[in-house]
PDB file of N, CA and C in Angstrom:
ATOM      1  N   UNK A   1       0.826  -1.181   0.000  1.00  0.00           N
ATOM      2  CA  UNK A   1       0.000   0.000   0.000  1.00  0.00           C
ATOM      3  C   UNK A   1       0.878   1.255   0.000  1.00  0.00           C
ATOM      4  N   UNK A   2       0.498   2.222  -0.831  1.00  0.00           N
ATOM      5  CA  UNK A   2       1.233   3.477  -0.876  1.00  0.00           C
ATOM      6  C   UNK A   2       2.568   3.415  -1.597  1.00  0.00           C
ATOM      7  N   UNK A   3       2.882   2.283  -2.220  1.00  0.00           N
ATOM      8  CA  UNK A   3       4.169   2.139  -2.887  1.00  0.00           C
ATOM      9  C   UNK A   3       4.043   1.923  -4.392  1.00  0.00           C
ATOM     10  N   UNK A   4       2.844   2.054  -4.918  1.00  0.00           N
ATOM     11  CA  UNK A   4       2.640   1.855  -6.352  1.00  0.00           C
ATOM     12  C   UNK A   4       2.091   3.129  -6.989  1.00  0.00           C
ATOM     13  N   UNK A   5       2.272   3.209  -8.291  1.00  0.00           N
ATOM     14  CA  UNK A   5       1.734   4.321  -9.059  1.00  0.00           C
ATOM     15  C   UNK A   5       1.652   3.855 -10.498  1.00  0.00           C
ATOM     16  N   UNK A   6       0.679   4.305 -11.235  1.00  0.00           N
ATOM     17  CA  UNK A   6       0.575   3.937 -12.632  1.00  0.00           C
ATOM     18  C   UNK A   6      -0.846   3.587 -13.001  1.00  0.00           C
ATOM     19  N   UNK A   7      -0.977   2.737 -14.013  1.00  0.00           N
ATOM     20  CA  UNK A   7      -2.304   2.387 -14.511  1.00  0.00           C
ATOM     21  C   UNK A   7      -3.135   1.644 -13.487  1.00  0.00           C
ATOM     22  N   UNK A   8      -2.513   1.077 -12.482  1.00  0.00           N
ATOM     23  CA  UNK A   8      -3.259   0.384 -11.420  1.00  0.00           C
ATOM     24  C   UNK A   8      -3.621   1.321 -10.278  1.00  0.00           C
ATOM     25  N   UNK A   9      -3.275   2.582 -10.357  1.00  0.00           N
ATOM     26  CA  UNK A   9      -3.601   3.544  -9.316  1.00  0.00           C
ATOM     27  C   UNK A   9      -2.506   3.645  -8.273  1.00  0.00           C
ATOM     28  N   UNK A  10      -2.804   4.340  -7.169  1.00  0.00           N
ATOM     29  CA  UNK A  10      -1.807   4.578  -6.133  1.00  0.00           C
ATOM     30  C   UNK A  10      -1.950   3.651  -4.938  1.00  0.00           C
ATOM     31  N   UNK A  11      -3.128   3.072  -4.769  1.00  0.00           N
ATOM     32  CA  UNK A  11      -3.403   2.136  -3.676  1.00  0.00           C
ATOM     33  C   UNK A  11      -2.987   2.714  -2.321  1.00  0.00           C
ATOM     34  N   UNK A  12      -3.401   3.965  -2.086  1.00  0.00           N
ATOM     35  CA  UNK A  12      -3.075   4.602  -0.815  1.00  0.00           C
ATOM     36  C   UNK A  12      -4.323   4.991  -0.026  1.00  0.00           C
ATOM     37  N   UNK A  13      -5.491   4.558  -0.495  1.00  0.00           N
ATOM     38  CA  UNK A  13      -6.727   4.867   0.197  1.00  0.00           C
ATOM     39  C   UNK A  13      -7.337   6.206  -0.175  1.00  0.00           C
ATOM     40  N   UNK A  14      -6.665   6.990  -1.000  1.00  0.00           N
ATOM     41  CA  UNK A  14      -7.159   8.301  -1.416  1.00  0.00           C
ATOM     42  C   UNK A  14      -7.520   8.233  -2.899  1.00  0.00           C
ATOM     43  N   UNK A  15      -8.793   8.135  -3.205  1.00  0.00           N
ATOM     44  CA  UNK A  15      -9.217   7.988  -4.595  1.00  0.00           C
ATOM     45  C   UNK A  15      -9.016   9.251  -5.416  1.00  0.00           C
ATOM     46  N   UNK A  16      -8.738  10.372  -4.782  1.00  0.00           N
ATOM     47  CA  UNK A  16      -8.547  11.620  -5.527  1.00  0.00           C
ATOM     48  C   UNK A  16      -7.261  11.617  -6.342  1.00  0.00           C
ATOM     49  N   UNK A  17      -6.300  10.745  -6.039  1.00  0.00           N
ATOM     50  CA  UNK A  17      -5.037  10.747  -6.774  1.00  0.00           C
ATOM     51  C   UNK A  17      -4.812   9.463  -7.578  1.00  0.00           C
ATOM     52  N   UNK A  18      -5.885   8.730  -7.854  1.00  0.00           N
ATOM     53  CA  UNK A  18      -5.759   7.475  -8.605  1.00  0.00           C
ATOM     54  C   UNK A  18      -5.257   7.693 -10.026  1.00  0.00           C
ATOM     55  N   UNK A  19      -5.540   8.836 -10.613  1.00  0.00           N
ATOM     56  CA  UNK A  19      -5.146   9.103 -11.998  1.00  0.00           C
ATOM     57  C   UNK A  19      -3.866   9.939 -12.051  1.00  0.00           C
ATOM     58  N   UNK A  20      -2.853   9.577 -11.256  1.00  0.00           N
ATOM     59  CA  UNK A  20      -1.576  10.282 -11.257  1.00  0.00           C
ATOM     60  C   UNK A  20      -0.735   9.825 -12.444  1.00  0.00           C
ATOM     61  N   UNK A  21      -0.267  10.783 -13.239  1.00  0.00           N
ATOM     62  CA  UNK A  21       0.512  10.487 -14.440  1.00  0.00           C
ATOM     63  C   UNK A  21       1.985  10.244 -14.084  1.00  0.00           C
ATOM     64  N   UNK A  22       2.771   9.776 -15.043  1.00  0.00           N
ATOM     65  CA  UNK A  22       4.205   9.593 -14.776  1.00  0.00           C
ATOM     66  C   UNK A  22       4.902  10.898 -14.365  1.00  0.00           C
ATOM     67  N   UNK A  23       4.356  12.042 -14.784  1.00  0.00           N
ATOM     68  CA  UNK A  23       4.936  13.339 -14.424  1.00  0.00           C
ATOM     69  C   UNK A  23       4.498  13.809 -13.040  1.00  0.00           C
ATOM     70  N   UNK A  24       3.561  13.082 -12.412  1.00  0.00           N
ATOM     71  CA  UNK A  24       3.079  13.456 -11.085  1.00  0.00           C
ATOM     72  C   UNK A  24       1.826  14.299 -11.098  1.00  0.00           C
ATOM     73  N   UNK A  25       1.283  14.596 -12.283  1.00  0.00           N
ATOM     74  CA  UNK A  25       0.031  15.348 -12.378  1.00  0.00           C
ATOM     75  C   UNK A  25      -1.139  14.417 -12.114  1.00  0.00           C
ATOM     76  N   UNK A  26      -2.231  14.951 -11.598  1.00  0.00           N
ATOM     77  CA  UNK A  26      -3.449  14.167 -11.404  1.00  0.00           C
ATOM     78  C   UNK A  26      -4.445  14.588 -12.468  1.00  0.00           C
ATOM     79  N   UNK A  27      -4.792  13.658 -13.351  1.00  0.00           N
ATOM     80  CA  UNK A  27      -5.738  13.943 -14.433  1.00  0.00           C
ATOM     81  C   UNK A  27      -7.169  13.750 -13.939  1.00  0.00           C
ATOM     82  N   UNK A  28      -8.099  14.587 -14.392  1.00  0.00           N
ATOM     83  CA  UNK A  28      -9.487  14.461 -13.954  1.00  0.00           C
ATOM     84  C   UNK A  28     -10.265  13.359 -14.673  1.00  0.00           C
ATOM     85  N   UNK A  29      -9.782  12.910 -15.830  1.00  0.00           N
ATOM     86  CA  UNK A  29     -10.542  11.927 -16.596  1.00  0.00           C
ATOM     87  C   UNK A  29      -9.700  10.751 -17.054  1.00  0.00           C
ATOM     88  N   UNK A  30     -10.387   9.682 -17.395  1.00  0.00           N
ATOM     89  CA  UNK A  30      -9.740   8.436 -17.811  1.00  0.00           C
ATOM     90  C   UNK A  30      -8.921   8.594 -19.086  1.00  0.00           C
ATOM     91  N   UNK A  31      -9.455   9.274 -20.093  1.00  0.00           N
ATOM     92  CA  UNK A  31      -8.774   9.362 -21.381  1.00  0.00           C
ATOM     93  C   UNK A  31      -7.424  10.066 -21.244  1.00  0.00           C
ATOM     94  N   UNK A  32      -7.390  11.209 -20.586  1.00  0.00           N
ATOM     95  CA  UNK A  32      -6.132  11.935 -20.417  1.00  0.00           C
ATOM     96  C   UNK A  32      -5.142  11.121 -19.592  1.00  0.00           C
ATOM     97  N   UNK A  33      -5.631  10.432 -18.589  1.00  0.00           N
ATOM     98  CA  UNK A  33      -4.765   9.584 -17.755  1.00  0.00           C
ATOM     99  C   UNK A  33      -4.161   8.452 -18.576  1.00  0.00           C
ATOM    100  N   UNK A  34      -4.990   7.742 -19.311  1.00  0.00           N
ATOM    101  CA  UNK A  34      -4.497   6.624 -20.120  1.00  0.00           C
ATOM    102  C   UNK A  34      -3.537   7.110 -21.193  1.00  0.00           C
ATOM    103  N   UNK A  35      -3.832   8.248 -21.810  1.00  0.00           N
ATOM    104  CA  UNK A  35      -2.958   8.782 -22.848  1.00  0.00           C
ATOM    105  C   UNK A  35      -1.585   9.168 -22.288  1.00  0.00           C
ATOM    106  N   UNK A  36      -1.509   9.512 -21.005  1.00  0.00           N
ATOM    107  CA  UNK A  36      -0.231   9.868 -20.398  1.00  0.00           C
ATOM    108  C   UNK A  36       0.715   8.667 -20.350  1.00  0.00           C
ATOM    109  N   UNK A  37       0.172   7.465 -20.329  1.00  0.00           N
ATOM    110  CA  UNK A  37       0.977   6.244 -20.293  1.00  0.00           C
ATOM    111  C   UNK A  37       1.146   5.606 -21.670  1.00  0.00           C
ATOM    112  N   UNK A  38       0.519   6.169 -22.671  1.00  0.00           N
ATOM    113  CA  UNK A  38       0.561   5.613 -24.021  1.00  0.00           C
ATOM    114  C   UNK A  38       1.941   5.766 -24.629  1.00  0.00           C
ATOM    115  N   UNK A  39       2.437   4.700 -25.223  1.00  0.00           N
ATOM    116  CA  UNK A  39       3.699   4.773 -25.958  1.00  0.00           C
ATOM    117  C   UNK A  39       3.407   5.421 -27.307  1.00  0.00           C
ATOM    118  N   UNK A  40       4.001   6.560 -27.574  1.00  0.00           N
ATOM    119  CA  UNK A  40       3.726   7.317 -28.794  1.00  0.00           C
ATOM    120  C   UNK A  40       3.878   6.447 -30.033  1.00  0.00           C
ATOM    121  N   UNK A  41       2.851   6.447 -30.864  1.00  0.00           N
ATOM    122  CA  UNK A  41       2.895   5.718 -32.123  1.00  0.00           C
ATOM    123  C   UNK A  41       2.484   4.260 -32.024  1.00  0.00           C
ATOM    124  N   UNK A  42       2.463   3.693 -30.828  1.00  0.00           N
ATOM    125  CA  UNK A  42       2.112   2.280 -30.692  1.00  0.00           C
ATOM    126  C   UNK A  42       0.612   2.018 -30.770  1.00  0.00           C
ATOM    127  N   UNK A  43      -0.177   2.964 -30.328  1.00  0.00           N
ATOM    128  CA  UNK A  43      -1.630   2.800 -30.384  1.00  0.00           C
ATOM    129  C   UNK A  43      -2.250   4.185 -30.459  1.00  0.00           C
ATOM    130  N   UNK A  44      -3.473   4.275 -30.965  1.00  0.00           N
ATOM    131  CA  UNK A  44      -4.112   5.589 -31.079  1.00  0.00           C
ATOM    132  C   UNK A  44      -4.473   6.156 -29.709  1.00  0.00           C
ATOM    133  N   UNK A  45      -4.435   7.459 -29.605  1.00  0.00           N
ATOM    134  CA  UNK A  45      -4.825   8.122 -28.364  1.00  0.00           C
ATOM    135  C   UNK A  45      -6.330   7.959 -28.154  1.00  0.00           C
ATOM    136  N   UNK A  46      -6.731   7.880 -26.894  1.00  0.00           N
ATOM    137  CA  UNK A  46      -8.155   7.820 -26.571  1.00  0.00           C
ATOM    138  C   UNK A  46      -8.764   9.195 -26.758  1.00  0.00           C
ATOM    139  N   UNK A  47      -9.985   9.212 -27.233  1.00  0.00           N
ATOM    140  CA  UNK A  47     -10.716  10.459 -27.375  1.00  0.00           C
ATOM    141  C   UNK A  47     -11.423  10.797 -26.078  1.00  0.00           C
ATOM    142  N   UNK A  48     -12.253  11.827 -26.100  1.00  0.00           N
ATOM    143  CA  UNK A  48     -12.933  12.248 -24.876  1.00  0.00           C
ATOM    144  C   UNK A  48     -13.956  11.242 -24.361  1.00  0.00           C
ATOM    145  N   UNK A  49     -14.446  10.362 -25.217  1.00  0.00           N
ATOM    146  CA  UNK A  49     -15.405   9.362 -24.730  1.00  0.00           C
ATOM    147  C   UNK A  49     -14.748   7.982 -24.755  1.00  0.00           C
ATOM    148  N   UNK A  50     -15.183   7.131 -23.868  1.00  0.00           N
ATOM    149  CA  UNK A  50     -14.643   5.782 -23.774  1.00  0.00           C
ATOM    150  C   UNK A  50     -15.335   4.911 -24.822  1.00  0.00           C
ATOM    151  N   UNK A  51     -14.571   4.198 -25.661  1.00  0.00           N
ATOM    152  CA  UNK A  51     -15.201   3.354 -26.677  1.00  0.00           C
ATOM    153  C   UNK A  51     -15.927   2.164 -26.050  1.00  0.00           C
ATOM    154  N   UNK A  52     -16.943   1.712 -26.712  1.00  0.00           N
ATOM    155  CA  UNK A  52     -17.682   0.533 -26.270  1.00  0.00           C
ATOM    156  C   UNK A  52     -16.813  -0.699 -26.537  1.00  0.00           C
ATOM    157  N   UNK A  53     -16.420  -1.454 -25.497  1.00  0.00           N
ATOM    158  CA  UNK A  53     -15.545  -2.598 -25.714  1.00  0.00           C
ATOM    159  C   UNK A  53     -16.158  -3.665 -26.608  1.00  0.00           C
ATOM    160  N   UNK A  54     -17.469  -3.723 -26.674  1.00  0.00           N
ATOM    161  CA  UNK A  54     -18.118  -4.717 -27.526  1.00  0.00           C
ATOM    162  C   UNK A  54     -17.954  -4.403 -29.009  1.00  0.00           C
ATOM    163  N   UNK A  55     -17.674  -3.142 -29.340  1.00  0.00           N
ATOM    164  CA  UNK A  55     -17.477  -2.797 -30.742  1.00  0.00           C
ATOM    165  C   UNK A  55     -16.261  -3.501 -31.327  1.00  0.00           C
ATOM    166  N   UNK A  56     -15.249  -3.750 -30.514  1.00  0.00           N
ATOM    167  CA  UNK A  56     -14.045  -4.426 -30.981  1.00  0.00           C
ATOM    168  C   UNK A  56     -14.202  -5.927 -31.095  1.00  0.00           C
ATOM    169  N   UNK A  57     -15.203  -6.479 -30.420  1.00  0.00           N
ATOM    170  CA  UNK A  57     -15.426  -7.928 -30.398  1.00  0.00           C
ATOM    171  C   UNK A  57     -16.910  -8.232 -30.543  1.00  0.00           C
ATOM    172  N   UNK A  58     -17.498  -7.901 -31.701  1.00  0.00           N
ATOM    173  CA  UNK A  58     -18.955  -8.045 -31.856  1.00  0.00           C
ATOM    174  C   UNK A  58     -19.433  -9.480 -31.661  1.00  0.00           C
ATOM    175  N   UNK A  59     -18.591 -10.459 -31.938  1.00  0.00           N
ATOM    176  CA  UNK A  59     -19.004 -11.862 -31.775  1.00  0.00           C
ATOM    177  C   UNK A  59     -19.174 -12.247 -30.303  1.00  0.00           C
ATOM    178  N   UNK A  60     -18.646 -11.442 -29.391  1.00  0.00           N
ATOM    179  CA  UNK A  60     -18.741 -11.734 -27.958  1.00  0.00           C
ATOM    180  C   UNK A  60     -19.801 -10.897 -27.251  1.00  0.00           C
ATOM    181  N   UNK A  61     -20.485 -10.025 -27.987  1.00  0.00           N
ATOM    182  CA  UNK A  61     -21.441  -9.112 -27.351  1.00  0.00           C
ATOM    183  C   UNK A  61     -22.519  -9.849 -26.561  1.00  0.00           C
ATOM    184  N   UNK A  62     -23.130 -10.864 -27.153  1.00  0.00           N
ATOM    185  CA  UNK A  62     -24.230 -11.570 -26.474  1.00  0.00           C
ATOM    186  C   UNK A  62     -23.753 -12.197 -25.157  1.00  0.00           C
ATOM    187  N   UNK A  63     -22.598 -12.829 -25.181  1.00  0.00           N
ATOM    188  CA  UNK A  63     -22.059 -13.453 -23.966  1.00  0.00           C
ATOM    189  C   UNK A  63     -21.725 -12.388 -22.910  1.00  0.00           C
ATOM    190  N   UNK A  64     -21.149 -11.263 -23.333  1.00  0.00           N
ATOM    191  CA  UNK A  64     -20.806 -10.193 -22.402  1.00  0.00           C
ATOM    192  C   UNK A  64     -22.053  -9.570 -21.787  1.00  0.00           C
ATOM    193  N   UNK A  65     -23.074  -9.351 -22.591  1.00  0.00           N
ATOM    194  CA  UNK A  65     -24.305  -8.763 -22.067  1.00  0.00           C
ATOM    195  C   UNK A  65     -24.977  -9.702 -21.070  1.00  0.00           C
ATOM    196  N   UNK A  66     -24.914 -11.011 -21.313  1.00  0.00           N
ATOM    197  CA  UNK A  66     -25.490 -11.968 -20.374  1.00  0.00           C
ATOM    198  C   UNK A  66     -24.725 -11.954 -19.054  1.00  0.00           C
ATOM    199  N   UNK A  67     -23.400 -11.876 -19.136  1.00  0.00           N
ATOM    200  CA  UNK A  67     -22.597 -11.847 -17.916  1.00  0.00           C
ATOM    201  C   UNK A  67     -22.841 -10.555 -17.136  1.00  0.00           C
ATOM    202  N   UNK A  68     -22.945  -9.435 -17.829  1.00  0.00           N
ATOM    203  CA  UNK A  68     -23.181  -8.155 -17.161  1.00  0.00           C
ATOM    204  C   UNK A  68     -24.585  -8.064 -16.579  1.00  0.00           C
ATOM    205  N   UNK A  69     -25.523  -8.796 -17.160  1.00  0.00           N
ATOM    206  CA  UNK A  69     -26.896  -8.785 -16.651  1.00  0.00           C
ATOM    207  C   UNK A  69     -26.940  -9.294 -15.214  1.00  0.00           C
ATOM    208  N   UNK A  70     -26.060 -10.202 -14.872  1.00  0.00           N
ATOM    209  CA  UNK A  70     -25.990 -10.713 -13.503  1.00  0.00           C
ATOM    210  C   UNK A  70     -25.642  -9.559 -12.546  1.00  0.00           C
ATOM    211  N   UNK A  71     -24.681  -8.725 -12.937  1.00  0.00           N
ATOM    212  CA  UNK A  71     -24.269  -7.605 -12.089  1.00  0.00           C
ATOM    213  C   UNK A  71     -25.358  -6.546 -11.968  1.00  0.00           C
ATOM    214  N   UNK A  72     -26.175  -6.406 -12.990  1.00  0.00           N
ATOM    215  CA  UNK A  72     -27.254  -5.421 -12.958  1.00  0.00           C
ATOM    216  C   UNK A  72     -28.535  -6.020 -12.379  1.00  0.00           C
ATOM    217  N   UNK A  73     -28.520  -7.273 -12.032  1.00  0.00           N
ATOM    218  CA  UNK A  73     -29.703  -7.964 -11.537  1.00  0.00           C
ATOM    219  C   UNK A  73     -29.970  -7.738 -10.054  1.00  0.00           C
ATOM    220  N   UNK A  74     -30.996  -8.383  -9.548  1.00  0.00           N
ATOM    221  CA  UNK A  74     -31.421  -8.157  -8.159  1.00  0.00           C
ATOM    222  C   UNK A  74     -30.394  -8.562  -7.107  1.00  0.00           C
ATOM    223  N   UNK A  75     -29.520  -9.504  -7.409  1.00  0.00           N
ATOM    224  CA  UNK A  75     -28.536  -9.946  -6.414  1.00  0.00           C
ATOM    225  C   UNK A  75     -27.593  -8.817  -6.001  1.00  0.00           C
ATOM    226  N   UNK A  76     -27.385  -7.834  -6.884  1.00  0.00           N
ATOM    227  CA  UNK A  76     -26.447  -6.765  -6.602  1.00  0.00           C
ATOM    228  C   UNK A  76     -27.123  -5.408  -6.418  1.00  0.00           C
ATOM    229  N   UNK A  77     -28.424  -5.402  -6.256  1.00  0.00           N
ATOM    230  CA  UNK A  77     -29.130  -4.123  -6.059  1.00  0.00           C
ATOM    231  C   UNK A  77     -29.232  -3.787  -4.595  1.00  0.00           C
TER     232      UNK A  77
END
C-alpha cells in the first residue's frame, strides 16, 4: 500500500489521486490519464469518450451482455 503508481492507481486509500501520471500530475478523466501512459505511435490516443468494448469484439457481445446482466440484476441491487 502506498508504494505503487501507474495504470493500477496509487493504492493509498485516497481515490482523488488514482489518476496520477508519470509526471506526477493528477488527471481528472480516464482518457487523459491513459494517454499519459501511451507509448507514442504504438496505439491511437483515446478520445474524450470511452469506446464501447463490444465494438471491438462483436461476436462476444451476447455473452458479455449476459454476464453483465448478472451484475445489474437483483442480487447486486
